């Protein structure tokens, strides 16, 4: 389990418009992701490689419905 300071998490400026957002924290070991509205929920952790693959998939429309 990795501990990440609350101060490390950043949220998108679009979170004022979009109801469902996450906060992201970049760390030397990877990327932590949590629910913006409820930071007490479980934080997910991804390696840098996993995060890079996810971002690439989003940019390429892999997850579009």
PDB file of N, CA and C in Angstrom:
ATOM      1  N   UNK A   1       0.842  -1.181   0.000  1.00  0.00           N
ATOM      2  CA  UNK A   1       0.000   0.000   0.000  1.00  0.00           C
ATOM      3  C   UNK A   1       0.888   1.246   0.000  1.00  0.00           C
ATOM      4  N   UNK A   2       0.527   2.194  -0.826  1.00  0.00           N
ATOM      5  CA  UNK A   2       1.270   3.441  -0.922  1.00  0.00           C
ATOM      6  C   UNK A   2       0.477   4.550  -0.253  1.00  0.00           C
ATOM      7  N   UNK A   3       1.150   5.358   0.535  1.00  0.00           N
ATOM      8  CA  UNK A   3       0.505   6.511   1.157  1.00  0.00           C
ATOM      9  C   UNK A   3       0.855   7.746   0.355  1.00  0.00           C
ATOM     10  N   UNK A   4      -0.170   8.514   0.007  1.00  0.00           N
ATOM     11  CA  UNK A   4       0.011   9.721  -0.781  1.00  0.00           C
ATOM     12  C   UNK A   4      -0.643  10.871  -0.030  1.00  0.00           C
ATOM     13  N   UNK A   5       0.079  11.942   0.142  1.00  0.00           N
ATOM     14  CA  UNK A   5      -0.438  13.120   0.833  1.00  0.00           C
ATOM     15  C   UNK A   5      -1.637  13.704   0.093  1.00  0.00           C
ATOM     16  N   UNK A   6      -2.607  14.196   0.843  1.00  0.00           N
ATOM     17  CA  UNK A   6      -3.756  14.861   0.232  1.00  0.00           C
ATOM     18  C   UNK A   6      -3.313  16.026  -0.644  1.00  0.00           C
ATOM     19  N   UNK A   7      -2.232  16.681  -0.279  1.00  0.00           N
ATOM     20  CA  UNK A   7      -1.739  17.834  -1.039  1.00  0.00           C
ATOM     21  C   UNK A   7      -1.200  17.443  -2.413  1.00  0.00           C
ATOM     22  N   UNK A   8      -0.846  16.170  -2.593  1.00  0.00           N
ATOM     23  CA  UNK A   8      -0.303  15.714  -3.870  1.00  0.00           C
ATOM     24  C   UNK A   8      -1.382  15.540  -4.936  1.00  0.00           C
ATOM     25  N   UNK A   9      -2.637  15.381  -4.521  1.00  0.00           N
ATOM     26  CA  UNK A   9      -3.716  15.132  -5.469  1.00  0.00           C
ATOM     27  C   UNK A   9      -4.148  16.413  -6.165  1.00  0.00           C
ATOM     28  N   UNK A  10      -4.367  16.307  -7.451  1.00  0.00           N
ATOM     29  CA  UNK A  10      -4.842  17.416  -8.284  1.00  0.00           C
ATOM     30  C   UNK A  10      -6.112  16.978  -8.986  1.00  0.00           C
ATOM     31  N   UNK A  11      -7.023  17.917  -9.210  1.00  0.00           N
ATOM     32  CA  UNK A  11      -8.224  17.585  -9.964  1.00  0.00           C
ATOM     33  C   UNK A  11      -8.346  18.515 -11.155  1.00  0.00           C
ATOM     34  N   UNK A  12      -9.048  18.041 -12.146  1.00  0.00           N
ATOM     35  CA  UNK A  12      -9.233  18.801 -13.372  1.00  0.00           C
ATOM     36  C   UNK A  12     -10.056  20.050 -13.113  1.00  0.00           C
ATOM     37  N   UNK A  13      -9.746  21.101 -13.844  1.00  0.00           N
ATOM     38  CA  UNK A  13     -10.555  22.317 -13.758  1.00  0.00           C
ATOM     39  C   UNK A  13     -11.955  22.061 -14.301  1.00  0.00           C
ATOM     40  N   UNK A  14     -12.141  20.994 -15.057  1.00  0.00           N
ATOM     41  CA  UNK A  14     -13.452  20.629 -15.588  1.00  0.00           C
ATOM     42  C   UNK A  14     -14.348  20.009 -14.524  1.00  0.00           C
ATOM     43  N   UNK A  15     -13.802  19.718 -13.344  1.00  0.00           N
ATOM     44  CA  UNK A  15     -14.598  19.059 -12.307  1.00  0.00           C
ATOM     45  C   UNK A  15     -15.733  19.942 -11.805  1.00  0.00           C
ATOM     46  N   UNK A  16     -15.684  21.243 -12.075  1.00  0.00           N
ATOM     47  CA  UNK A  16     -16.801  22.121 -11.711  1.00  0.00           C
ATOM     48  C   UNK A  16     -17.996  21.875 -12.623  1.00  0.00           C
ATOM     49  N   UNK A  17     -17.735  21.365 -13.815  1.00  0.00           N
ATOM     50  CA  UNK A  17     -18.774  21.162 -14.823  1.00  0.00           C
ATOM     51  C   UNK A  17     -19.261  19.715 -14.817  1.00  0.00           C
ATOM     52  N   UNK A  18     -18.337  18.797 -14.700  1.00  0.00           N
ATOM     53  CA  UNK A  18     -18.638  17.364 -14.775  1.00  0.00           C
ATOM     54  C   UNK A  18     -18.904  16.836 -13.367  1.00  0.00           C
ATOM     55  N   UNK A  19     -19.969  16.063 -13.218  1.00  0.00           N
ATOM     56  CA  UNK A  19     -20.357  15.558 -11.903  1.00  0.00           C
ATOM     57  C   UNK A  19     -19.401  14.494 -11.377  1.00  0.00           C
ATOM     58  N   UNK A  20     -18.923  13.621 -12.231  1.00  0.00           N
ATOM     59  CA  UNK A  20     -18.094  12.509 -11.792  1.00  0.00           C
ATOM     60  C   UNK A  20     -16.649  12.737 -12.191  1.00  0.00           C
ATOM     61  N   UNK A  21     -15.802  13.051 -11.229  1.00  0.00           N
ATOM     62  CA  UNK A  21     -14.389  13.302 -11.512  1.00  0.00           C
ATOM     63  C   UNK A  21     -13.506  12.565 -10.515  1.00  0.00           C
ATOM     64  N   UNK A  22     -12.262  12.460 -10.883  1.00  0.00           N
ATOM     65  CA  UNK A  22     -11.270  11.863  -9.998  1.00  0.00           C
ATOM     66  C   UNK A  22     -10.135  12.853  -9.761  1.00  0.00           C
ATOM     67  N   UNK A  23      -9.435  12.637  -8.671  1.00  0.00           N
ATOM     68  CA  UNK A  23      -8.214  13.386  -8.380  1.00  0.00           C
ATOM     69  C   UNK A  23      -7.048  12.454  -8.655  1.00  0.00           C
ATOM     70  N   UNK A  24      -5.960  13.006  -9.164  1.00  0.00           N
ATOM     71  CA  UNK A  24      -4.797  12.211  -9.552  1.00  0.00           C
ATOM     72  C   UNK A  24      -3.554  12.760  -8.866  1.00  0.00           C
ATOM     73  N   UNK A  25      -2.699  11.859  -8.384  1.00  0.00           N
ATOM     74  CA  UNK A  25      -1.426  12.250  -7.784  1.00  0.00           C
ATOM     75  C   UNK A  25      -0.306  11.473  -8.463  1.00  0.00           C
ATOM     76  N   UNK A  26       0.635  12.187  -9.031  1.00  0.00           N
ATOM     77  CA  UNK A  26       1.809  11.551  -9.635  1.00  0.00           C
ATOM     78  C   UNK A  26       2.852  11.365  -8.547  1.00  0.00           C
ATOM     79  N   UNK A  27       3.391  10.168  -8.442  1.00  0.00           N
ATOM     80  CA  UNK A  27       4.419   9.859  -7.442  1.00  0.00           C
ATOM     81  C   UNK A  27       5.603   9.203  -8.144  1.00  0.00           C
ATOM     82  N   UNK A  28       6.723   9.095  -7.470  1.00  0.00           N
ATOM     83  CA  UNK A  28       7.869   8.407  -8.088  1.00  0.00           C
ATOM     84  C   UNK A  28       7.566   6.945  -8.433  1.00  0.00           C
ATOM     85  N   UNK A  29       6.641   6.321  -7.682  1.00  0.00           N
ATOM     86  CA  UNK A  29       6.328   4.907  -7.888  1.00  0.00           C
ATOM     87  C   UNK A  29       5.183   4.666  -8.853  1.00  0.00           C
ATOM     88  N   UNK A  30       4.399   5.687  -9.166  1.00  0.00           N
ATOM     89  CA  UNK A  30       3.261   5.501 -10.052  1.00  0.00           C
ATOM     90  C   UNK A  30       2.249   6.615  -9.903  1.00  0.00           C
ATOM     91  N   UNK A  31       0.986   6.281 -10.176  1.00  0.00           N
ATOM     92  CA  UNK A  31      -0.086   7.269 -10.178  1.00  0.00           C
ATOM     93  C   UNK A  31      -1.206   6.795  -9.253  1.00  0.00           C
ATOM     94  N   UNK A  32      -1.594   7.664  -8.323  1.00  0.00           N
ATOM     95  CA  UNK A  32      -2.705   7.374  -7.415  1.00  0.00           C
ATOM     96  C   UNK A  32      -3.941   8.106  -7.921  1.00  0.00           C
ATOM     97  N   UNK A  33      -5.093   7.435  -7.850  1.00  0.00           N
ATOM     98  CA  UNK A  33      -6.348   8.003  -8.354  1.00  0.00           C
ATOM     99  C   UNK A  33      -7.424   7.771  -7.299  1.00  0.00           C
ATOM    100  N   UNK A  34      -8.221   8.820  -7.025  1.00  0.00           N
ATOM    101  CA  UNK A  34      -9.309   8.671  -6.057  1.00  0.00           C
ATOM    102  C   UNK A  34     -10.505   9.522  -6.464  1.00  0.00           C
ATOM    103  N   UNK A  35     -11.650   9.236  -5.855  1.00  0.00           N
ATOM    104  CA  UNK A  35     -12.896   9.954  -6.095  1.00  0.00           C
ATOM    105  C   UNK A  35     -12.753  11.385  -5.575  1.00  0.00           C
ATOM    106  N   UNK A  36     -13.054  12.370  -6.411  1.00  0.00           N
ATOM    107  CA  UNK A  36     -12.933  13.770  -6.020  1.00  0.00           C
ATOM    108  C   UNK A  36     -13.912  14.138  -4.919  1.00  0.00           C
ATOM    109  N   UNK A  37     -15.129  13.602  -4.989  1.00  0.00           N
ATOM    110  CA  UNK A  37     -16.159  13.980  -4.030  1.00  0.00           C
ATOM    111  C   UNK A  37     -16.035  13.248  -2.693  1.00  0.00           C
ATOM    112  N   UNK A  38     -15.334  12.121  -2.650  1.00  0.00           N
ATOM    113  CA  UNK A  38     -15.216  11.351  -1.411  1.00  0.00           C
ATOM    114  C   UNK A  38     -13.816  10.757  -1.302  1.00  0.00           C
ATOM    115  N   UNK A  39     -12.898  11.530  -0.755  1.00  0.00           N
ATOM    116  CA  UNK A  39     -11.504  11.098  -0.674  1.00  0.00           C
ATOM    117  C   UNK A  39     -11.297   9.969   0.339  1.00  0.00           C
ATOM    118  N   UNK A  40     -12.332   9.637   1.121  1.00  0.00           N
ATOM    119  CA  UNK A  40     -12.197   8.542   2.086  1.00  0.00           C
ATOM    120  C   UNK A  40     -12.350   7.176   1.409  1.00  0.00           C
ATOM    121  N   UNK A  41     -12.861   7.162   0.169  1.00  0.00           N
ATOM    122  CA  UNK A  41     -12.968   5.902  -0.565  1.00  0.00           C
ATOM    123  C   UNK A  41     -11.577   5.400  -0.932  1.00  0.00           C
ATOM    124  N   UNK A  42     -11.513   4.163  -1.308  1.00  0.00           N
ATOM    125  CA  UNK A  42     -10.241   3.515  -1.648  1.00  0.00           C
ATOM    126  C   UNK A  42      -9.514   4.251  -2.770  1.00  0.00           C
ATOM    127  N   UNK A  43      -8.230   4.461  -2.595  1.00  0.00           N
ATOM    128  CA  UNK A  43      -7.384   5.057  -3.624  1.00  0.00           C
ATOM    129  C   UNK A  43      -6.823   3.941  -4.498  1.00  0.00           C
ATOM    130  N   UNK A  44      -6.910   4.121  -5.801  1.00  0.00           N
ATOM    131  CA  UNK A  44      -6.349   3.155  -6.741  1.00  0.00           C
ATOM    132  C   UNK A  44      -4.935   3.580  -7.094  1.00  0.00           C
ATOM    133  N   UNK A  45      -4.061   2.624  -7.355  1.00  0.00           N
ATOM    134  CA  UNK A  45      -2.679   2.931  -7.686  1.00  0.00           C
ATOM    135  C   UNK A  45      -2.283   2.182  -8.941  1.00  0.00           C
ATOM    136  N   UNK A  46      -1.659   2.903  -9.873  1.00  0.00           N
ATOM    137  CA  UNK A  46      -1.221   2.335 -11.143  1.00  0.00           C
ATOM    138  C   UNK A  46       0.259   2.628 -11.354  1.00  0.00           C
ATOM    139  N   UNK A  47       0.943   1.716 -12.012  1.00  0.00           N
ATOM    140  CA  UNK A  47       2.322   1.988 -12.376  1.00  0.00           C
ATOM    141  C   UNK A  47       2.324   3.077 -13.445  1.00  0.00           C
ATOM    142  N   UNK A  48       3.475   3.681 -13.675  1.00  0.00           N
ATOM    143  CA  UNK A  48       3.562   4.701 -14.728  1.00  0.00           C
ATOM    144  C   UNK A  48       3.221   4.101 -16.094  1.00  0.00           C
ATOM    145  N   UNK A  49       3.636   2.862 -16.331  1.00  0.00           N
ATOM    146  CA  UNK A  49       3.336   2.201 -17.600  1.00  0.00           C
ATOM    147  C   UNK A  49       1.846   1.958 -17.783  1.00  0.00           C
ATOM    148  N   UNK A  50       1.167   1.522 -16.722  1.00  0.00           N
ATOM    149  CA  UNK A  50      -0.278   1.305 -16.790  1.00  0.00           C
ATOM    150  C   UNK A  50      -1.006   2.621 -17.059  1.00  0.00           C
ATOM    151  N   UNK A  51      -0.575   3.688 -16.376  1.00  0.00           N
ATOM    152  CA  UNK A  51      -1.222   4.991 -16.553  1.00  0.00           C
ATOM    153  C   UNK A  51      -1.007   5.514 -17.967  1.00  0.00           C
ATOM    154  N   UNK A  52       0.206   5.344 -18.483  1.00  0.00           N
ATOM    155  CA  UNK A  52       0.520   5.795 -19.840  1.00  0.00           C
ATOM    156  C   UNK A  52      -0.356   5.058 -20.858  1.00  0.00           C
ATOM    157  N   UNK A  53      -0.542   3.752 -20.665  1.00  0.00           N
ATOM    158  CA  UNK A  53      -1.387   2.968 -21.568  1.00  0.00           C
ATOM    159  C   UNK A  53      -2.846   3.423 -21.475  1.00  0.00           C
ATOM    160  N   UNK A  54      -3.316   3.725 -20.270  1.00  0.00           N
ATOM    161  CA  UNK A  54      -4.686   4.211 -20.088  1.00  0.00           C
ATOM    162  C   UNK A  54      -4.891   5.548 -20.801  1.00  0.00           C
ATOM    163  N   UNK A  55      -3.987   6.490 -20.583  1.00  0.00           N
ATOM    164  CA  UNK A  55      -4.106   7.807 -21.214  1.00  0.00           C
ATOM    165  C   UNK A  55      -4.075   7.676 -22.731  1.00  0.00           C
ATOM    166  N   UNK A  56      -3.208   6.816 -23.243  1.00  0.00           N
ATOM    167  CA  UNK A  56      -3.145   6.576 -24.692  1.00  0.00           C
ATOM    168  C   UNK A  56      -4.477   6.046 -25.198  1.00  0.00           C
ATOM    169  N   UNK A  57      -5.074   5.095 -24.462  1.00  0.00           N
ATOM    170  CA  UNK A  57      -6.367   4.544 -24.850  1.00  0.00           C
ATOM    171  C   UNK A  57      -7.462   5.599 -24.862  1.00  0.00           C
ATOM    172  N   UNK A  58      -7.447   6.490 -23.886  1.00  0.00           N
ATOM    173  CA  UNK A  58      -8.445   7.572 -23.841  1.00  0.00           C
ATOM    174  C   UNK A  58      -8.277   8.475 -25.060  1.00  0.00           C
ATOM    175  N   UNK A  59      -7.047   8.864 -25.336  1.00  0.00           N
ATOM    176  CA  UNK A  59      -6.781   9.758 -26.474  1.00  0.00           C
ATOM    177  C   UNK A  59      -7.166   9.138 -27.804  1.00  0.00           C
ATOM    178  N   UNK A  60      -7.042   7.812 -27.886  1.00  0.00           N
ATOM    179  CA  UNK A  60      -7.352   7.118 -29.142  1.00  0.00           C
ATOM    180  C   UNK A  60      -8.804   6.668 -29.224  1.00  0.00           C
ATOM    181  N   UNK A  61      -9.620   7.013 -28.220  1.00  0.00           N
ATOM    182  CA  UNK A  61     -11.038   6.667 -28.255  1.00  0.00           C
ATOM    183  C   UNK A  61     -11.360   5.229 -27.916  1.00  0.00           C
ATOM    184  N   UNK A  62     -10.420   4.518 -27.320  1.00  0.00           N
ATOM    185  CA  UNK A  62     -10.617   3.113 -26.996  1.00  0.00           C
ATOM    186  C   UNK A  62     -11.796   2.880 -26.050  1.00  0.00           C
ATOM    187  N   UNK A  63     -12.125   3.852 -25.221  1.00  0.00           N
ATOM    188  CA  UNK A  63     -13.166   3.667 -24.215  1.00  0.00           C
ATOM    189  C   UNK A  63     -14.465   4.383 -24.564  1.00  0.00           C
ATOM    190  N   UNK A  64     -14.553   4.961 -25.755  1.00  0.00           N
ATOM    191  CA  UNK A  64     -15.770   5.646 -26.153  1.00  0.00           C
ATOM    192  C   UNK A  64     -16.907   4.650 -26.312  1.00  0.00           C
ATOM    193  N   UNK A  65     -18.075   5.044 -25.865  1.00  0.00           N
ATOM    194  CA  UNK A  65     -19.245   4.152 -25.958  1.00  0.00           C
ATOM    195  C   UNK A  65     -19.829   4.195 -27.358  1.00  0.00           C
TER     196      UNK A  65
END
